[in-house]
């Protein structure tokens, strides 16, 4: 209801104010022009979308992973306690970032390319990966860092044996 009222308010302002008519004509022409082309070959749009995705997602993730690897390298030169602390802190972050990158790649590939030749089961898995596997892995990785949860899990596995 709020969205409807807000849009109605903006349309009323545009209708009442004559100086806003010309920018709206340009906007409508732009929409019409894009609709004539969203039917043509979208290869150029796919390539530019992939490049933008690489810049916006994979470049920052790779920089973060590179930084964590450098931190781990420095920490492994220290004593055993430093190595353990660095490993318990950085490895879950790196794992979750790599998992995010894989999930984002699945989503981008699926939205940009024709996936009709891929089996239905694989397409469903790729769709659900980003929304299910990513949060579950994050919770699992950070939950294992919590000593209470780790002891509970260890107790469950030991009692089963």
Protein backbone atom coordinates (compact mmCIF):
# COMPACT_ATOMS: atom_id res chain seq x y z
CA UNK A 1 0.00 0.00 0.00
CA UNK A 2 2.88 2.35 0.86
CA UNK A 3 4.58 1.68 -2.48
CA UNK A 4 1.32 2.34 -4.32
CA UNK A 5 0.74 5.62 -2.49
CA UNK A 6 4.32 6.76 -3.04
CA UNK A 7 4.15 6.02 -6.77
CA UNK A 8 0.78 7.77 -7.05
CA UNK A 9 2.25 10.79 -5.25
CA UNK A 10 5.21 10.97 -7.67
CA UNK A 11 2.96 10.57 -10.71
CA UNK A 12 0.71 13.37 -9.45
CA UNK A 13 3.71 15.68 -8.98
CA UNK A 14 4.96 14.89 -12.50
CA UNK A 15 1.51 15.50 -14.00
CA UNK A 16 1.06 18.83 -12.19
CA UNK A 17 4.56 20.19 -12.84
CA UNK A 18 5.06 20.87 -16.57
CA UNK A 19 8.83 21.15 -16.25
CA UNK A 20 8.99 17.46 -15.32
CA UNK A 21 7.19 16.32 -18.48
CA UNK A 22 10.24 16.46 -20.77
CA UNK A 23 12.47 14.27 -18.56
CA UNK A 24 9.62 11.75 -18.38
CA UNK A 25 9.38 11.66 -22.20
CA UNK A 26 13.09 10.88 -22.34
CA UNK A 27 12.58 8.19 -19.72
CA UNK A 28 9.71 6.60 -21.69
CA UNK A 29 11.76 6.70 -24.91
CA UNK A 30 14.61 5.05 -23.08
CA UNK A 31 12.30 2.30 -21.82
CA UNK A 32 10.86 1.83 -25.32
CA UNK A 33 14.34 1.73 -26.86
CA UNK A 34 15.51 -0.89 -24.37
CA UNK A 35 12.45 -3.03 -25.02
CA UNK A 36 13.17 -3.06 -28.75
CA UNK A 37 16.73 -4.27 -28.14
CA UNK A 38 15.84 -6.94 -24.06
CA UNK A 39 14.51 -9.17 -28.07
CA UNK A 40 18.01 -8.91 -29.75
CA UNK A 41 21.19 -10.82 -29.01
CA UNK A 42 22.31 -10.17 -25.45
CA UNK A 43 25.90 -11.36 -25.81
CA UNK A 44 27.33 -7.89 -25.18
CA UNK A 45 25.15 -7.42 -22.11
CA UNK A 46 26.19 -10.82 -20.77
CA UNK A 47 29.87 -10.04 -21.22
CA UNK A 48 29.57 -6.62 -19.58
CA UNK A 49 27.50 -8.15 -16.76
CA UNK A 50 30.14 -10.80 -16.17
CA UNK A 51 32.92 -8.21 -16.14
CA UNK A 52 30.98 -6.06 -13.66
CA UNK A 53 30.32 -9.13 -11.51
CA UNK A 54 34.00 -9.97 -11.49
CA UNK A 55 34.88 -6.44 -10.44
CA UNK A 56 32.14 -6.16 -7.80
CA UNK A 57 32.25 -9.65 -6.27
CA UNK A 58 35.27 -11.71 -7.15
CA UNK A 59 37.91 -8.97 -7.04
CA UNK A 60 37.10 -7.92 -3.43
CA UNK A 61 36.76 -11.55 -2.32
CA UNK A 62 40.11 -12.41 -3.87
CA UNK A 63 41.73 -9.43 -2.13
CA UNK A 64 40.30 -10.54 1.20
CA UNK A 65 41.52 -14.11 0.67
CA UNK A 66 44.95 -12.84 -0.36
CA UNK A 67 45.10 -10.73 2.83
CA UNK A 68 44.10 -13.67 5.02
CA UNK A 69 46.72 -15.87 3.40
CA UNK A 70 49.35 -13.23 4.13
CA UNK A 71 48.16 -13.04 7.75
CA UNK A 72 48.33 -16.81 8.06
CA UNK A 73 51.85 -16.85 6.61
CA UNK A 74 53.06 -14.36 9.21
CA UNK A 75 51.25 -16.17 12.04
CA UNK A 76 52.72 -19.55 11.10
CA UNK A 77 56.18 -18.11 11.67
CA UNK A 78 55.24 -17.59 15.33
CA UNK A 79 54.79 -20.07 18.16
CA UNK A 80 52.24 -22.91 18.39
CA UNK A 81 49.64 -20.83 20.23
CA UNK A 82 49.79 -18.10 17.59
CA UNK A 83 49.39 -20.67 14.79
CA UNK A 84 46.39 -22.26 16.51
CA UNK A 85 44.70 -18.89 17.12
CA UNK A 86 45.32 -17.76 13.53
CA UNK A 87 44.05 -21.03 12.11
CA UNK A 88 40.92 -21.05 14.25
CA UNK A 89 40.15 -17.46 13.26
CA UNK A 90 41.17 -17.19 9.59
CA UNK A 91 40.28 -20.61 8.16
CA UNK A 92 36.51 -20.27 8.80
CA UNK A 93 36.56 -16.80 7.21
CA UNK A 94 38.45 -18.03 4.14
CA UNK A 95 36.17 -21.06 3.81
CA UNK A 96 33.03 -18.91 4.00
CA UNK A 97 34.41 -16.40 1.50
CA UNK A 98 35.32 -19.13 -0.99
CA UNK A 99 31.87 -20.65 -0.46
CA UNK A 100 30.31 -17.22 -1.11
CA UNK A 101 32.34 -16.87 -4.31
CA UNK A 102 31.22 -20.28 -5.55
CA UNK A 103 27.58 -19.55 -4.73
CA UNK A 104 27.74 -16.13 -6.40
CA UNK A 105 29.34 -17.70 -9.49
CA UNK A 106 26.50 -20.26 -9.67
CA UNK A 107 23.89 -17.51 -9.46
CA UNK A 108 25.59 -15.31 -12.04
CA UNK A 109 26.10 -18.15 -14.50
CA UNK A 110 22.53 -19.30 -14.10
CA UNK A 111 21.08 -15.84 -14.62
CA UNK A 112 23.28 -14.93 -17.58
CA UNK A 113 23.31 -18.07 -19.71
CA UNK A 114 20.79 -20.46 -21.20
CA UNK A 115 20.69 -23.39 -18.78
CA UNK A 116 18.14 -25.48 -20.68
CA UNK A 117 20.79 -28.07 -21.59
CA UNK A 118 21.70 -28.60 -17.91
CA UNK A 119 19.72 -31.36 -16.14
CA UNK A 120 16.87 -30.15 -13.93
CA UNK A 121 18.41 -31.64 -10.77
CA UNK A 122 21.64 -29.71 -11.34
CA UNK A 123 19.74 -26.47 -11.98
CA UNK A 124 17.73 -26.89 -8.77
CA UNK A 125 20.93 -27.62 -6.82
CA UNK A 126 22.64 -24.56 -8.32
CA UNK A 127 19.63 -22.41 -7.42
CA UNK A 128 19.45 -23.64 -3.86
CA UNK A 129 23.20 -23.65 -3.25
CA UNK A 130 23.49 -19.91 -2.66
CA UNK A 131 20.41 -19.78 -0.44
CA UNK A 132 20.85 -22.99 1.58
CA UNK A 133 24.42 -24.26 1.53
CA UNK A 134 26.03 -20.88 2.13
CA UNK A 135 24.16 -20.03 5.37
CA UNK A 136 24.41 -23.60 6.65
CA UNK A 137 28.15 -23.74 6.05
CA UNK A 138 28.62 -20.34 7.68
CA UNK A 139 26.69 -21.43 10.77
CA UNK A 140 28.57 -24.73 10.86
CA UNK A 141 32.01 -23.11 10.51
CA UNK A 142 31.44 -20.43 13.13
CA UNK A 143 29.54 -22.81 15.40
CA UNK A 144 32.53 -25.15 15.53
CA UNK A 145 34.61 -22.25 16.84
CA UNK A 146 32.33 -22.01 19.85
CA UNK A 147 33.80 -24.32 22.49
CA UNK A 148 30.41 -25.21 24.03
CA UNK A 149 29.02 -26.34 20.68
CA UNK A 150 32.23 -28.22 19.88
CA UNK A 151 32.06 -30.11 23.18
CA UNK A 152 28.40 -30.93 22.59
CA UNK A 153 29.17 -32.26 19.09
CA UNK A 154 32.14 -34.22 20.37
CA UNK A 155 29.94 -35.75 23.09
CA UNK A 156 27.28 -36.74 20.56
CA UNK A 157 29.79 -38.45 18.27
CA UNK A 158 31.65 -40.21 21.09
CA UNK A 159 28.44 -41.55 22.66
CA UNK A 160 27.34 -42.99 19.30
CA UNK A 161 30.57 -44.98 18.98
